[in-house]
Amino acid sequence: MTPSDPHRKAERVNMLVLIALTLGGALICALLALPFSGALTWAFTLAVLFSPLQSRLEKYLRSSNLAAAVTVLAAIIIVAAPSALVVNRLLHGAVSGAAYIQSELSGGKLQLPSFLAKLEQQVDVSGLFNQLVTTLSNTGASFLRGSLRQAIEIILTFYILFYFLRDRKAASQAARGLLPLNEAETNQLFERITGTIYAIVYGTIMVAILQGVLAGLMFWALGLSAPLFWGVVMSLLAIVPVLGTFVIWIPEAAYLAWEGHEVKAVILALWGALVVGEIDNVVRPILVGNRLKLHTVPVFIAIIGGVLLFGTPGFILGPMAVTITLFLLSIARRRTLGPTP
């Protein structure tokens, strides 16, 4: 054994220790960032969408801080304010409606429709409705308490967005220094990430419009009031994570059943569940896949699997993970086997 062998062995051991420490540190950093995954994901998404506005403002305002502040304000007005207004109105209406129904049922002022009156002979329908309304009221109260957490996440989102916008060039340079890719490959990766975000946003908006149109048309066909207005509201709700068109058509179907329009209630419920609700899982992967030039099946798995794994940020993280992985695999193949003939 030559004298250099122990030295090389020590170098390999040191390298393995360094790799282990680096992986351990990366894991700890990932765990530290996990509670902020939602805010980080939405902030990064908004930063990609609003970075063109930030670039233009920087030219006119000559200050990256001021440009970032104005851009964040624009993002709040365009994205957060309409969503908060719609959700607030719906929550207020739901809680008020639940309290009204409970008081009317307790006072015996509401009469059960015919089909429920017959069922009451075997089942305590009024008691069930009281229990249901109480549950809804408690759920609404829990949702309002949980809204504090959502409010904190929203504040963190726009707080992080400010720095993502202001320091985007420095962050880009730092990422380029860490990635084991050349300049052309790094540019391609960034273009793939940006394209993925635009594709998801495009697919979400298109599906939301389609859901609102289909739901509004059914409202019109059944002779319900203000189909255009409720169609627009349902389109907005379809964009908001966690919420959806069901927030409108489920109470409307229940109201129709209560008023004795059982057939209309069943039609609306089936249309909402089987057509309006399921079209999201069918059309969104097609739209996103077409823009990303990926097959519908992996896009479907990326979106649904991302939501199941990460929650609502999974809408972005799932497809982005698939896009980045496929790109890195193509780079590895190109370096190993050479360019595809």
C-alpha atoms as a PDB file:
ATOM      1  CA  MET A   1       0.000   0.000   0.000  1.00  0.00           C
ATOM      2  CA  THR A   2       1.455   3.315  -1.067  1.00  0.00           C
ATOM      3  CA  PRO A   3       1.526   6.281   1.356  1.00  0.00           C
ATOM      4  CA  SER A   4      -1.076   8.020  -0.715  1.00  0.00           C
ATOM      5  CA  ASP A   5      -3.658   5.254  -0.162  1.00  0.00           C
ATOM      6  CA  PRO A   6      -4.466   6.179   3.474  1.00  0.00           C
ATOM      7  CA  HIS A   7      -4.720   9.798   2.401  1.00  0.00           C
ATOM      8  CA  ARG A   8      -7.212   8.917  -0.386  1.00  0.00           C
ATOM      9  CA  LYS A   9      -9.164   6.721   2.003  1.00  0.00           C
ATOM     10  CA  ALA A  10      -9.379   9.582   4.500  1.00  0.00           C
ATOM     11  CA  GLU A  11     -10.560  11.901   1.722  1.00  0.00           C
ATOM     12  CA  ARG A  12     -13.321   9.446   0.738  1.00  0.00           C
ATOM     13  CA  VAL A  13     -14.420   9.129   4.372  1.00  0.00           C
ATOM     14  CA  ASN A  14     -14.466  12.914   4.738  1.00  0.00           C
ATOM     15  CA  MET A  15     -16.493  13.230   1.548  1.00  0.00           C
ATOM     16  CA  LEU A  16     -19.026  10.625   2.743  1.00  0.00           C
ATOM     17  CA  VAL A  17     -19.339  12.451   6.066  1.00  0.00           C
ATOM     18  CA  LEU A  18     -19.797  15.754   4.238  1.00  0.00           C
ATOM     19  CA  ILE A  19     -22.490  14.241   2.001  1.00  0.00           C
ATOM     20  CA  ALA A  20     -24.271  12.724   5.025  1.00  0.00           C
ATOM     21  CA  LEU A  21     -24.174  16.019   6.909  1.00  0.00           C
ATOM     22  CA  THR A  22     -25.401  17.900   3.843  1.00  0.00           C
ATOM     23  CA  LEU A  23     -28.313  15.482   3.317  1.00  0.00           C
ATOM     24  CA  GLY A  24     -29.179  15.670   7.012  1.00  0.00           C
ATOM     25  CA  GLY A  25     -29.100  19.459   6.905  1.00  0.00           C
ATOM     26  CA  ALA A  26     -31.256  19.482   3.768  1.00  0.00           C
ATOM     27  CA  LEU A  27     -33.784  17.213   5.489  1.00  0.00           C
ATOM     28  CA  ILE A  28     -33.915  19.495   8.548  1.00  0.00           C
ATOM     29  CA  CYS A  29     -34.357  22.531   6.284  1.00  0.00           C
ATOM     30  CA  ALA A  30     -37.202  20.758   4.469  1.00  0.00           C
ATOM     31  CA  LEU A  31     -38.904  19.972   7.789  1.00  0.00           C
ATOM     32  CA  LEU A  32     -38.480  23.591   8.891  1.00  0.00           C
ATOM     33  CA  ALA A  33     -40.071  24.828   5.651  1.00  0.00           C
ATOM     34  CA  LEU A  34     -42.910  22.286   5.709  1.00  0.00           C
ATOM     35  CA  PRO A  35     -45.263  24.384   7.897  1.00  0.00           C
ATOM     36  CA  PHE A  36     -44.803  27.239   5.420  1.00  0.00           C
ATOM     37  CA  SER A  37     -45.210  25.111   2.275  1.00  0.00           C
ATOM     38  CA  GLY A  38     -48.563  26.691   1.422  1.00  0.00           C
ATOM     39  CA  ALA A  39     -47.362  30.276   1.772  1.00  0.00           C
ATOM     40  CA  LEU A  40     -44.114  29.513  -0.067  1.00  0.00           C
ATOM     41  CA  THR A  41     -45.921  27.782  -2.940  1.00  0.00           C
ATOM     42  CA  TRP A  42     -48.525  30.520  -3.451  1.00  0.00           C
ATOM     43  CA  ALA A  43     -45.908  33.255  -3.076  1.00  0.00           C
ATOM     44  CA  PHE A  44     -43.676  31.609  -5.685  1.00  0.00           C
ATOM     45  CA  THR A  45     -46.637  31.157  -8.037  1.00  0.00           C
ATOM     46  CA  LEU A  46     -47.658  34.807  -7.693  1.00  0.00           C
ATOM     47  CA  ALA A  47     -44.040  35.883  -8.120  1.00  0.00           C
ATOM     48  CA  VAL A  48     -43.866  34.082 -11.470  1.00  0.00           C
ATOM     49  CA  LEU A  49     -47.194  35.549 -12.596  1.00  0.00           C
ATOM     50  CA  PHE A  50     -46.471  39.123 -11.477  1.00  0.00           C
ATOM     51  CA  SER A  51     -42.740  39.331 -12.244  1.00  0.00           C
ATOM     52  CA  PRO A  52     -43.392  41.020 -15.634  1.00  0.00           C
ATOM     53  CA  LEU A  53     -45.244  43.805 -13.815  1.00  0.00           C
ATOM     54  CA  GLN A  54     -42.388  44.039 -11.296  1.00  0.00           C
ATOM     55  CA  SER A  55     -39.856  44.402 -14.131  1.00  0.00           C
ATOM     56  CA  ARG A  56     -41.819  47.200 -15.790  1.00  0.00           C
ATOM     57  CA  LEU A  57     -42.349  49.072 -12.530  1.00  0.00           C
ATOM     58  CA  GLU A  58     -38.641  48.886 -11.706  1.00  0.00           C
ATOM     59  CA  LYS A  59     -37.874  50.763 -14.951  1.00  0.00           C
ATOM     60  CA  TYR A  60     -40.273  53.589 -14.076  1.00  0.00           C
ATOM     61  CA  LEU A  61     -39.894  53.786 -10.305  1.00  0.00           C
ATOM     62  CA  ARG A  62     -36.107  53.182 -10.216  1.00  0.00           C
ATOM     63  CA  SER A  63     -36.546  51.352  -6.894  1.00  0.00           C
ATOM     64  CA  SER A  64     -36.901  47.596  -6.485  1.00  0.00           C
ATOM     65  CA  ASN A  65     -38.417  48.014  -3.011  1.00  0.00           C
ATOM     66  CA  LEU A  66     -41.131  50.398  -4.200  1.00  0.00           C
ATOM     67  CA  ALA A  67     -41.796  48.338  -7.319  1.00  0.00           C
ATOM     68  CA  ALA A  68     -42.179  45.174  -5.236  1.00  0.00           C
ATOM     69  CA  ALA A  69     -44.537  46.939  -2.811  1.00  0.00           C
ATOM     70  CA  VAL A  70     -46.742  48.208  -5.661  1.00  0.00           C
ATOM     71  CA  THR A  71     -46.736  44.770  -7.303  1.00  0.00           C
ATOM     72  CA  VAL A  72     -47.758  43.083  -4.050  1.00  0.00           C
ATOM     73  CA  LEU A  73     -50.575  45.617  -3.669  1.00  0.00           C
ATOM     74  CA  ALA A  74     -51.721  44.833  -7.221  1.00  0.00           C
ATOM     75  CA  ALA A  75     -51.647  41.101  -6.430  1.00  0.00           C
ATOM     76  CA  ILE A  76     -53.762  41.672  -3.319  1.00  0.00           C
ATOM     77  CA  ILE A  77     -56.338  43.692  -5.270  1.00  0.00           C
ATOM     78  CA  ILE A  78     -56.511  41.243  -8.182  1.00  0.00           C
ATOM     79  CA  VAL A  79     -56.258  37.913  -6.333  1.00  0.00           C
ATOM     80  CA  ALA A  80     -56.928  38.172  -2.614  1.00  0.00           C
ATOM     81  CA  ALA A  81     -59.632  40.836  -2.342  1.00  0.00           C
ATOM     82  CA  PRO A  82     -62.276  39.201  -4.620  1.00  0.00           C
ATOM     83  CA  SER A  83     -61.721  35.778  -3.022  1.00  0.00           C
ATOM     84  CA  ALA A  84     -61.980  37.178   0.505  1.00  0.00           C
ATOM     85  CA  LEU A  85     -65.156  39.082  -0.385  1.00  0.00           C
ATOM     86  CA  VAL A  86     -66.893  36.036  -1.870  1.00  0.00           C
ATOM     87  CA  VAL A  87     -65.882  33.734   0.996  1.00  0.00           C
ATOM     88  CA  ASN A  88     -66.916  36.284   3.627  1.00  0.00           C
ATOM     89  CA  ARG A  89     -70.352  36.783   2.066  1.00  0.00           C
ATOM     90  CA  LEU A  90     -70.934  33.044   1.762  1.00  0.00           C
ATOM     91  CA  LEU A  91     -69.876  32.344   5.349  1.00  0.00           C
ATOM     92  CA  HIS A  92     -72.053  35.152   6.650  1.00  0.00           C
ATOM     93  CA  GLY A  93     -75.018  33.870   4.657  1.00  0.00           C
ATOM     94  CA  ALA A  94     -74.468  30.261   5.752  1.00  0.00           C
ATOM     95  CA  VAL A  95     -74.241  31.094   9.451  1.00  0.00           C
ATOM     96  CA  SER A  96     -77.241  33.454   9.293  1.00  0.00           C
ATOM     97  CA  GLY A  97     -79.283  30.922   7.329  1.00  0.00           C
ATOM     98  CA  ALA A  98     -78.450  28.118   9.755  1.00  0.00           C
ATOM     99  CA  ALA A  99     -79.438  30.248  12.743  1.00  0.00           C
ATOM    100  CA  TYR A 100     -82.729  31.221  11.059  1.00  0.00           C
ATOM    101  CA  ILE A 101     -83.664  27.617  10.196  1.00  0.00           C
ATOM    102  CA  GLN A 102     -82.828  26.430  13.695  1.00  0.00           C
ATOM    103  CA  SER A 103     -84.987  29.114  15.321  1.00  0.00           C
ATOM    104  CA  GLU A 104     -87.906  28.424  12.953  1.00  0.00           C
ATOM    105  CA  LEU A 105     -87.712  24.675  13.523  1.00  0.00           C
ATOM    106  CA  SER A 106     -87.538  25.112  17.278  1.00  0.00           C
ATOM    107  CA  GLY A 107     -90.587  27.381  17.209  1.00  0.00           C
ATOM    108  CA  GLY A 108     -92.560  25.035  14.967  1.00  0.00           C
ATOM    109  CA  LYS A 109     -93.063  27.736  12.328  1.00  0.00           C
ATOM    110  CA  LEU A 110     -91.623  25.731   9.426  1.00  0.00           C
ATOM    111  CA  GLN A 111     -93.803  23.042   7.889  1.00  0.00           C
ATOM    112  CA  LEU A 112     -92.148  19.954   6.478  1.00  0.00           C
ATOM    113  CA  PRO A 113     -92.685  19.263   2.757  1.00  0.00           C
ATOM    114  CA  SER A 114     -94.955  16.388   1.806  1.00  0.00           C
ATOM    115  CA  PHE A 115     -92.306  13.720   1.249  1.00  0.00           C
ATOM    116  CA  LEU A 116     -90.647  14.530   4.590  1.00  0.00           C
ATOM    117  CA  ALA A 117     -93.993  14.663   6.380  1.00  0.00           C
ATOM    118  CA  LYS A 118     -94.635  11.063   5.326  1.00  0.00           C
ATOM    119  CA  LEU A 119     -91.150  10.054   6.412  1.00  0.00           C
ATOM    120  CA  GLU A 120     -91.728  11.661   9.823  1.00  0.00           C
ATOM    121  CA  GLN A 121     -94.140   8.891  10.671  1.00  0.00           C
ATOM    122  CA  GLN A 122     -91.185   6.515  10.909  1.00  0.00           C
ATOM    123  CA  VAL A 123     -88.302   8.913  11.634  1.00  0.00           C
ATOM    124  CA  ASP A 124     -87.974  12.048  13.734  1.00  0.00           C
ATOM    125  CA  VAL A 125     -87.200  14.264  10.723  1.00  0.00           C
ATOM    126  CA  SER A 126     -87.494  17.483  12.699  1.00  0.00           C
ATOM    127  CA  GLY A 127     -85.004  16.178  15.230  1.00  0.00           C
ATOM    128  CA  LEU A 128     -82.645  15.164  12.441  1.00  0.00           C
ATOM    129  CA  PHE A 129     -82.914  18.621  10.885  1.00  0.00           C
ATOM    130  CA  ASN A 130     -82.214  20.236  14.254  1.00  0.00           C
ATOM    131  CA  GLN A 131     -79.146  18.019  14.646  1.00  0.00           C
ATOM    132  CA  LEU A 132     -78.045  18.772  11.067  1.00  0.00           C
ATOM    133  CA  VAL A 133     -78.428  22.521  11.503  1.00  0.00           C
ATOM    134  CA  THR A 134     -76.554  22.385  14.814  1.00  0.00           C
ATOM    135  CA  THR A 135     -73.752  20.463  13.113  1.00  0.00           C
ATOM    136  CA  LEU A 136     -73.631  22.987  10.286  1.00  0.00           C
ATOM    137  CA  SER A 137     -73.514  25.856  12.762  1.00  0.00           C
ATOM    138  CA  ASN A 138     -70.679  24.208  14.695  1.00  0.00           C
ATOM    139  CA  THR A 139     -68.849  23.465  11.443  1.00  0.00           C
ATOM    140  CA  GLY A 140     -69.244  27.068  10.361  1.00  0.00           C
ATOM    141  CA  ALA A 141     -67.898  28.264  13.690  1.00  0.00           C
ATOM    142  CA  SER A 142     -64.936  25.885  13.376  1.00  0.00           C
ATOM    143  CA  PHE A 143     -64.320  27.154   9.867  1.00  0.00           C
ATOM    144  CA  LEU A 144     -64.332  30.715  11.128  1.00  0.00           C
ATOM    145  CA  ARG A 145     -61.847  29.775  13.843  1.00  0.00           C
ATOM    146  CA  GLY A 146     -59.738  28.029  11.211  1.00  0.00           C
ATOM    147  CA  SER A 147     -59.902  31.127   9.071  1.00  0.00           C
ATOM    148  CA  LEU A 148     -57.408  32.715  11.481  1.00  0.00           C
ATOM    149  CA  ARG A 149     -54.839  30.180  10.312  1.00  0.00           C
ATOM    150  CA  GLN A 150     -55.762  30.896   6.700  1.00  0.00           C
ATOM    151  CA  ALA A 151     -55.425  34.618   7.351  1.00  0.00           C
ATOM    152  CA  ILE A 152     -51.935  34.092   8.767  1.00  0.00           C
ATOM    153  CA  GLU A 153     -50.996  32.018   5.707  1.00  0.00           C
ATOM    154  CA  ILE A 154     -52.294  34.747   3.393  1.00  0.00           C
ATOM    155  CA  ILE A 155     -50.294  37.413   5.248  1.00  0.00           C
ATOM    156  CA  LEU A 156     -47.180  35.228   5.048  1.00  0.00           C
ATOM    157  CA  THR A 157     -47.813  34.636   1.341  1.00  0.00           C
ATOM    158  CA  PHE A 158     -47.734  38.318   0.469  1.00  0.00           C
ATOM    159  CA  TYR A 159     -44.888  38.985   2.906  1.00  0.00           C
ATOM    160  CA  ILE A 160     -42.759  36.324   1.176  1.00  0.00           C
ATOM    161  CA  LEU A 161     -43.990  37.497  -2.231  1.00  0.00           C
ATOM    162  CA  PHE A 162     -42.442  40.914  -1.603  1.00  0.00           C
ATOM    163  CA  TYR A 163     -38.978  39.393  -1.172  1.00  0.00           C
ATOM    164  CA  PHE A 164     -39.448  36.906  -4.022  1.00  0.00           C
ATOM    165  CA  LEU A 165     -40.148  39.860  -6.317  1.00  0.00           C
ATOM    166  CA  ARG A 166     -37.515  42.235  -4.974  1.00  0.00           C
ATOM    167  CA  ASP A 167     -34.710  39.669  -4.757  1.00  0.00           C
ATOM    168  CA  ARG A 168     -35.667  37.449  -7.705  1.00  0.00           C
ATOM    169  CA  LYS A 169     -32.436  38.182  -9.615  1.00  0.00           C
ATOM    170  CA  ALA A 170     -30.227  37.348  -6.623  1.00  0.00           C
ATOM    171  CA  ALA A 171     -32.261  34.188  -5.947  1.00  0.00           C
ATOM    172  CA  SER A 172     -31.927  33.157  -9.589  1.00  0.00           C
ATOM    173  CA  GLN A 173     -28.163  33.613  -9.469  1.00  0.00           C
ATOM    174  CA  ALA A 174     -27.931  31.626  -6.219  1.00  0.00           C
ATOM    175  CA  ALA A 175     -29.973  28.791  -7.718  1.00  0.00           C
ATOM    176  CA  ARG A 176     -27.786  28.757 -10.820  1.00  0.00           C
ATOM    177  CA  GLY A 177     -24.716  28.397  -8.627  1.00  0.00           C
ATOM    178  CA  LEU A 178     -26.158  25.426  -6.735  1.00  0.00           C
ATOM    179  CA  LEU A 179     -27.607  23.480  -9.660  1.00  0.00           C
ATOM    180  CA  PRO A 180     -25.305  20.956 -11.402  1.00  0.00           C
ATOM    181  CA  LEU A 181     -26.439  22.274 -14.798  1.00  0.00           C
ATOM    182  CA  ASN A 182     -24.838  24.475 -17.401  1.00  0.00           C
ATOM    183  CA  GLU A 183     -26.351  27.844 -18.298  1.00  0.00           C
ATOM    184  CA  ALA A 184     -28.440  26.559 -21.203  1.00  0.00           C
ATOM    185  CA  GLU A 185     -29.842  23.668 -19.152  1.00  0.00           C
ATOM    186  CA  THR A 186     -30.620  25.973 -16.236  1.00  0.00           C
ATOM    187  CA  ASN A 187     -32.473  28.354 -18.542  1.00  0.00           C
ATOM    188  CA  GLN A 188     -34.485  25.443 -19.922  1.00  0.00           C
ATOM    189  CA  LEU A 189     -35.335  24.271 -16.384  1.00  0.00           C
ATOM    190  CA  PHE A 190     -36.526  27.727 -15.356  1.00  0.00           C
ATOM    191  CA  GLU A 191     -38.609  27.944 -18.537  1.00  0.00           C
ATOM    192  CA  ARG A 192     -40.199  24.567 -17.724  1.00  0.00           C
ATOM    193  CA  ILE A 193     -41.061  25.696 -14.188  1.00  0.00           C
ATOM    194  CA  THR A 194     -42.546  28.985 -15.427  1.00  0.00           C
ATOM    195  CA  GLY A 195     -44.473  27.175 -18.160  1.00  0.00           C
ATOM    196  CA  THR A 196     -45.864  24.691 -15.625  1.00  0.00           C
ATOM    197  CA  ILE A 197     -47.200  27.467 -13.420  1.00  0.00           C
ATOM    198  CA  TYR A 198     -48.787  29.298 -16.355  1.00  0.00           C
ATOM    199  CA  ALA A 199     -50.326  26.030 -17.581  1.00  0.00           C
ATOM    200  CA  ILE A 200     -51.845  25.264 -14.173  1.00  0.00           C
ATOM    201  CA  VAL A 201     -53.245  28.782 -13.768  1.00  0.00           C
ATOM    202  CA  TYR A 202     -54.610  28.699 -17.323  1.00  0.00           C
ATOM    203  CA  GLY A 203     -56.204  25.291 -16.753  1.00  0.00           C
ATOM    204  CA  THR A 204     -57.701  26.379 -13.430  1.00  0.00           C
ATOM    205  CA  ILE A 205     -59.277  29.524 -14.893  1.00  0.00           C
ATOM    206  CA  MET A 206     -60.637  27.725 -17.968  1.00  0.00           C
ATOM    207  CA  VAL A 207     -62.139  24.911 -15.874  1.00  0.00           C
ATOM    208  CA  ALA A 208     -63.632  27.412 -13.411  1.00  0.00           C
ATOM    209  CA  ILE A 209     -65.299  29.325 -16.254  1.00  0.00           C
ATOM    210  CA  LEU A 210     -66.637  26.077 -17.726  1.00  0.00           C
ATOM    211  CA  GLN A 211     -67.986  24.948 -14.351  1.00  0.00           C
ATOM    212  CA  GLY A 212     -69.691  28.298 -13.797  1.00  0.00           C
ATOM    213  CA  VAL A 213     -71.257  28.208 -17.277  1.00  0.00           C
ATOM    214  CA  LEU A 214     -72.554  24.650 -16.864  1.00  0.00           C
ATOM    215  CA  ALA A 215     -73.922  25.326 -13.379  1.00  0.00           C
ATOM    216  CA  GLY A 216     -75.491  28.626 -14.481  1.00  0.00           C
ATOM    217  CA  LEU A 217     -77.137  26.930 -17.464  1.00  0.00           C
ATOM    218  CA  MET A 218     -78.723  24.350 -15.166  1.00  0.00           C
ATOM    219  CA  PHE A 219     -79.974  27.121 -12.880  1.00  0.00           C
ATOM    220  CA  TRP A 220     -81.528  28.758 -15.964  1.00  0.00           C
ATOM    221  CA  ALA A 221     -83.025  25.476 -17.241  1.00  0.00           C
ATOM    222  CA  LEU A 222     -84.643  24.776 -13.850  1.00  0.00           C
ATOM    223  CA  GLY A 223     -86.063  28.303 -13.671  1.00  0.00           C
ATOM    224  CA  LEU A 224     -84.010  29.318 -10.648  1.00  0.00           C
ATOM    225  CA  SER A 225     -83.356  32.968  -9.848  1.00  0.00           C
ATOM    226  CA  ALA A 226     -80.317  34.931 -11.106  1.00  0.00           C
ATOM    227  CA  PRO A 227     -78.587  32.138 -13.079  1.00  0.00           C
ATOM    228  CA  LEU A 228     -76.024  34.546 -14.559  1.00  0.00           C
ATOM    229  CA  PHE A 229     -75.077  35.958 -11.170  1.00  0.00           C
ATOM    230  CA  TRP A 230     -74.745  32.542  -9.531  1.00  0.00           C
ATOM    231  CA  GLY A 231     -72.815  31.244 -12.525  1.00  0.00           C
ATOM    232  CA  VAL A 232     -70.243  34.001 -12.040  1.00  0.00           C
ATOM    233  CA  VAL A 233     -70.096  33.338  -8.283  1.00  0.00           C
ATOM    234  CA  MET A 234     -69.584  29.611  -8.865  1.00  0.00           C
ATOM    235  CA  SER A 235     -66.785  30.349 -11.337  1.00  0.00           C
ATOM    236  CA  LEU A 236     -65.027  32.421  -8.663  1.00  0.00           C
ATOM    237  CA  LEU A 237     -65.560  29.718  -6.053  1.00  0.00           C
ATOM    238  CA  ALA A 238     -64.120  27.092  -8.406  1.00  0.00           C
ATOM    239  CA  ILE A 239     -60.849  29.030  -8.463  1.00  0.00           C
ATOM    240  CA  VAL A 240     -60.560  29.292  -4.665  1.00  0.00           C
ATOM    241  CA  PRO A 241     -58.751  26.268  -3.166  1.00  0.00           C
ATOM    242  CA  VAL A 242     -60.880  24.020  -0.904  1.00  0.00           C
ATOM    243  CA  LEU A 243     -64.108  25.709  -2.015  1.00  0.00           C
ATOM    244  CA  GLY A 244     -66.016  24.977  -5.227  1.00  0.00           C
ATOM    245  CA  THR A 245     -69.352  25.220  -7.003  1.00  0.00           C
ATOM    246  CA  PHE A 246     -70.889  22.797  -4.495  1.00  0.00           C
ATOM    247  CA  VAL A 247     -71.023  25.654  -1.972  1.00  0.00           C
ATOM    248  CA  ILE A 248     -73.889  27.083  -4.066  1.00  0.00           C
ATOM    249  CA  TRP A 249     -75.673  24.161  -5.705  1.00  0.00           C
ATOM    250  CA  ILE A 250     -75.898  21.901  -2.624  1.00  0.00           C
ATOM    251  CA  PRO A 251     -77.849  24.467  -0.519  1.00  0.00           C
ATOM    252  CA  GLU A 252     -79.977  25.309  -3.582  1.00  0.00           C
ATOM    253  CA  ALA A 253     -80.825  21.623  -4.126  1.00  0.00           C
ATOM    254  CA  ALA A 254     -81.686  21.275  -0.434  1.00  0.00           C
ATOM    255  CA  TYR A 255     -83.911  24.355  -0.630  1.00  0.00           C
ATOM    256  CA  LEU A 256     -85.715  22.963  -3.707  1.00  0.00           C
ATOM    257  CA  ALA A 257     -86.336  19.699  -1.866  1.00  0.00           C
ATOM    258  CA  TRP A 258     -87.606  21.615   1.167  1.00  0.00           C
ATOM    259  CA  GLU A 259     -90.035  23.560  -1.025  1.00  0.00           C
ATOM    260  CA  GLY A 260     -91.399  20.339  -2.494  1.00  0.00           C
ATOM    261  CA  HIS A 261     -89.594  20.465  -5.879  1.00  0.00           C
ATOM    262  CA  GLU A 262     -88.043  17.034  -5.442  1.00  0.00           C
ATOM    263  CA  VAL A 263     -87.449  16.390  -9.150  1.00  0.00           C
ATOM    264  CA  LYS A 264     -85.627  19.697  -9.643  1.00  0.00           C
ATOM    265  CA  ALA A 265     -83.596  19.041  -6.501  1.00  0.00           C
ATOM    266  CA  VAL A 266     -82.482  15.625  -7.755  1.00  0.00           C
ATOM    267  CA  ILE A 267     -81.636  16.982 -11.237  1.00  0.00           C
ATOM    268  CA  LEU A 268     -79.590  19.833  -9.772  1.00  0.00           C
ATOM    269  CA  ALA A 269     -77.778  17.534  -7.347  1.00  0.00           C
ATOM    270  CA  LEU A 270     -76.916  14.974 -10.039  1.00  0.00           C
ATOM    271  CA  TRP A 271     -75.828  17.675 -12.497  1.00  0.00           C
ATOM    272  CA  GLY A 272     -73.666  19.347  -9.864  1.00  0.00           C
ATOM    273  CA  ALA A 273     -72.044  16.128  -8.640  1.00  0.00           C
ATOM    274  CA  LEU A 274     -71.610  14.187 -11.891  1.00  0.00           C
ATOM    275  CA  VAL A 275     -71.102  16.949 -14.469  1.00  0.00           C
ATOM    276  CA  VAL A 276     -69.977  20.193 -12.839  1.00  0.00           C
ATOM    277  CA  GLY A 277     -67.938  18.539 -10.090  1.00  0.00           C
ATOM    278  CA  GLU A 278     -66.291  15.792 -12.128  1.00  0.00           C
ATOM    279  CA  ILE A 279     -65.418  17.969 -15.127  1.00  0.00           C
ATOM    280  CA  ASP A 280     -62.567  19.397 -13.076  1.00  0.00           C
ATOM    281  CA  ASN A 281     -60.864  15.988 -12.931  1.00  0.00           C
ATOM    282  CA  VAL A 282     -61.380  15.416 -16.656  1.00  0.00           C
ATOM    283  CA  VAL A 283     -60.764  18.762 -18.368  1.00  0.00           C
ATOM    284  CA  ARG A 284     -58.026  20.245 -16.159  1.00  0.00           C
ATOM    285  CA  PRO A 285     -55.450  17.468 -16.861  1.00  0.00           C
ATOM    286  CA  ILE A 286     -56.203  17.747 -20.597  1.00  0.00           C
ATOM    287  CA  LEU A 287     -55.723  21.524 -20.669  1.00  0.00           C
ATOM    288  CA  VAL A 288     -52.589  21.420 -18.523  1.00  0.00           C
ATOM    289  CA  GLY A 289     -51.173  18.445 -20.413  1.00  0.00           C
ATOM    290  CA  ASN A 290     -51.671  20.128 -23.779  1.00  0.00           C
ATOM    291  CA  ARG A 291     -49.798  23.250 -22.663  1.00  0.00           C
ATOM    292  CA  LEU A 292     -47.014  21.209 -21.047  1.00  0.00           C
ATOM    293  CA  LYS A 293     -46.937  18.740 -23.953  1.00  0.00           C
ATOM    294  CA  LEU A 294     -47.453  15.845 -21.548  1.00  0.00           C
ATOM    295  CA  HIS A 295     -49.900  12.973 -21.673  1.00  0.00           C
ATOM    296  CA  THR A 296     -53.142  13.450 -19.745  1.00  0.00           C
ATOM    297  CA  VAL A 297     -52.566  10.474 -17.414  1.00  0.00           C
ATOM    298  CA  PRO A 298     -49.313  11.673 -15.770  1.00  0.00           C
ATOM    299  CA  VAL A 299     -50.769  15.170 -15.473  1.00  0.00           C
ATOM    300  CA  PHE A 300     -53.896  13.740 -13.801  1.00  0.00           C
ATOM    301  CA  ILE A 301     -51.750  11.728 -11.372  1.00  0.00           C
ATOM    302  CA  ALA A 302     -49.547  14.773 -10.709  1.00  0.00           C
ATOM    303  CA  ILE A 303     -52.514  17.036  -9.874  1.00  0.00           C
ATOM    304  CA  ILE A 304     -54.593  14.592  -7.815  1.00  0.00           C
ATOM    305  CA  GLY A 305     -51.562  12.974  -6.181  1.00  0.00           C
ATOM    306  CA  GLY A 306     -50.111  16.392  -5.411  1.00  0.00           C
ATOM    307  CA  VAL A 307     -53.293  17.471  -3.642  1.00  0.00           C
ATOM    308  CA  LEU A 308     -53.437  14.226  -1.646  1.00  0.00           C
ATOM    309  CA  LEU A 309     -49.780  14.558  -0.654  1.00  0.00           C
ATOM    310  CA  PHE A 310     -49.368  18.308  -0.085  1.00  0.00           C
ATOM    311  CA  GLY A 311     -52.941  19.599   0.280  1.00  0.00           C
ATOM    312  CA  THR A 312     -54.046  22.574  -1.817  1.00  0.00           C
ATOM    313  CA  PRO A 313     -50.439  23.582  -2.690  1.00  0.00           C
ATOM    314  CA  GLY A 314     -50.265  20.219  -4.449  1.00  0.00           C
ATOM    315  CA  PHE A 315     -52.080  21.775  -7.417  1.00  0.00           C
ATOM    316  CA  ILE A 316     -48.759  23.505  -8.110  1.00  0.00           C
ATOM    317  CA  LEU A 317     -46.207  21.213  -6.445  1.00  0.00           C
ATOM    318  CA  GLY A 318     -47.436  17.975  -8.035  1.00  0.00           C
ATOM    319  CA  PRO A 319     -47.162  19.000 -11.709  1.00  0.00           C
ATOM    320  CA  MET A 320     -43.988  20.969 -10.969  1.00  0.00           C
ATOM    321  CA  ALA A 321     -42.330  17.912  -9.401  1.00  0.00           C
ATOM    322  CA  VAL A 322     -43.221  15.794 -12.440  1.00  0.00           C
ATOM    323  CA  THR A 323     -41.995  18.464 -14.868  1.00  0.00           C
ATOM    324  CA  ILE A 324     -38.673  18.958 -13.069  1.00  0.00           C
ATOM    325  CA  THR A 325     -38.096  15.209 -12.699  1.00  0.00           C
ATOM    326  CA  LEU A 326     -38.762  14.504 -16.373  1.00  0.00           C
ATOM    327  CA  PHE A 327     -36.458  17.345 -17.378  1.00  0.00           C
ATOM    328  CA  LEU A 328     -33.627  16.126 -15.133  1.00  0.00           C
ATOM    329  CA  LEU A 329     -34.075  12.584 -16.475  1.00  0.00           C
ATOM    330  CA  SER A 330     -33.756  13.915 -20.009  1.00  0.00           C
ATOM    331  CA  ILE A 331     -30.541  15.754 -19.023  1.00  0.00           C
ATOM    332  CA  ALA A 332     -29.130  12.607 -17.376  1.00  0.00           C
ATOM    333  CA  ARG A 333     -29.970  10.525 -20.451  1.00  0.00           C
ATOM    334  CA  ARG A 334     -28.422  13.078 -22.787  1.00  0.00           C
ATOM    335  CA  ARG A 335     -25.196  13.144 -20.779  1.00  0.00           C
ATOM    336  CA  THR A 336     -25.050   9.365 -20.499  1.00  0.00           C
ATOM    337  CA  LEU A 337     -26.187   8.200 -23.934  1.00  0.00           C
ATOM    338  CA  GLY A 338     -25.764  11.332 -25.994  1.00  0.00           C
ATOM    339  CA  PRO A 339     -28.439  13.331 -27.835  1.00  0.00           C
ATOM    340  CA  THR A 340     -31.467  11.470 -29.145  1.00  0.00           C
ATOM    341  CA  PRO A 341     -31.048  10.775 -32.876  1.00  0.00           C
END
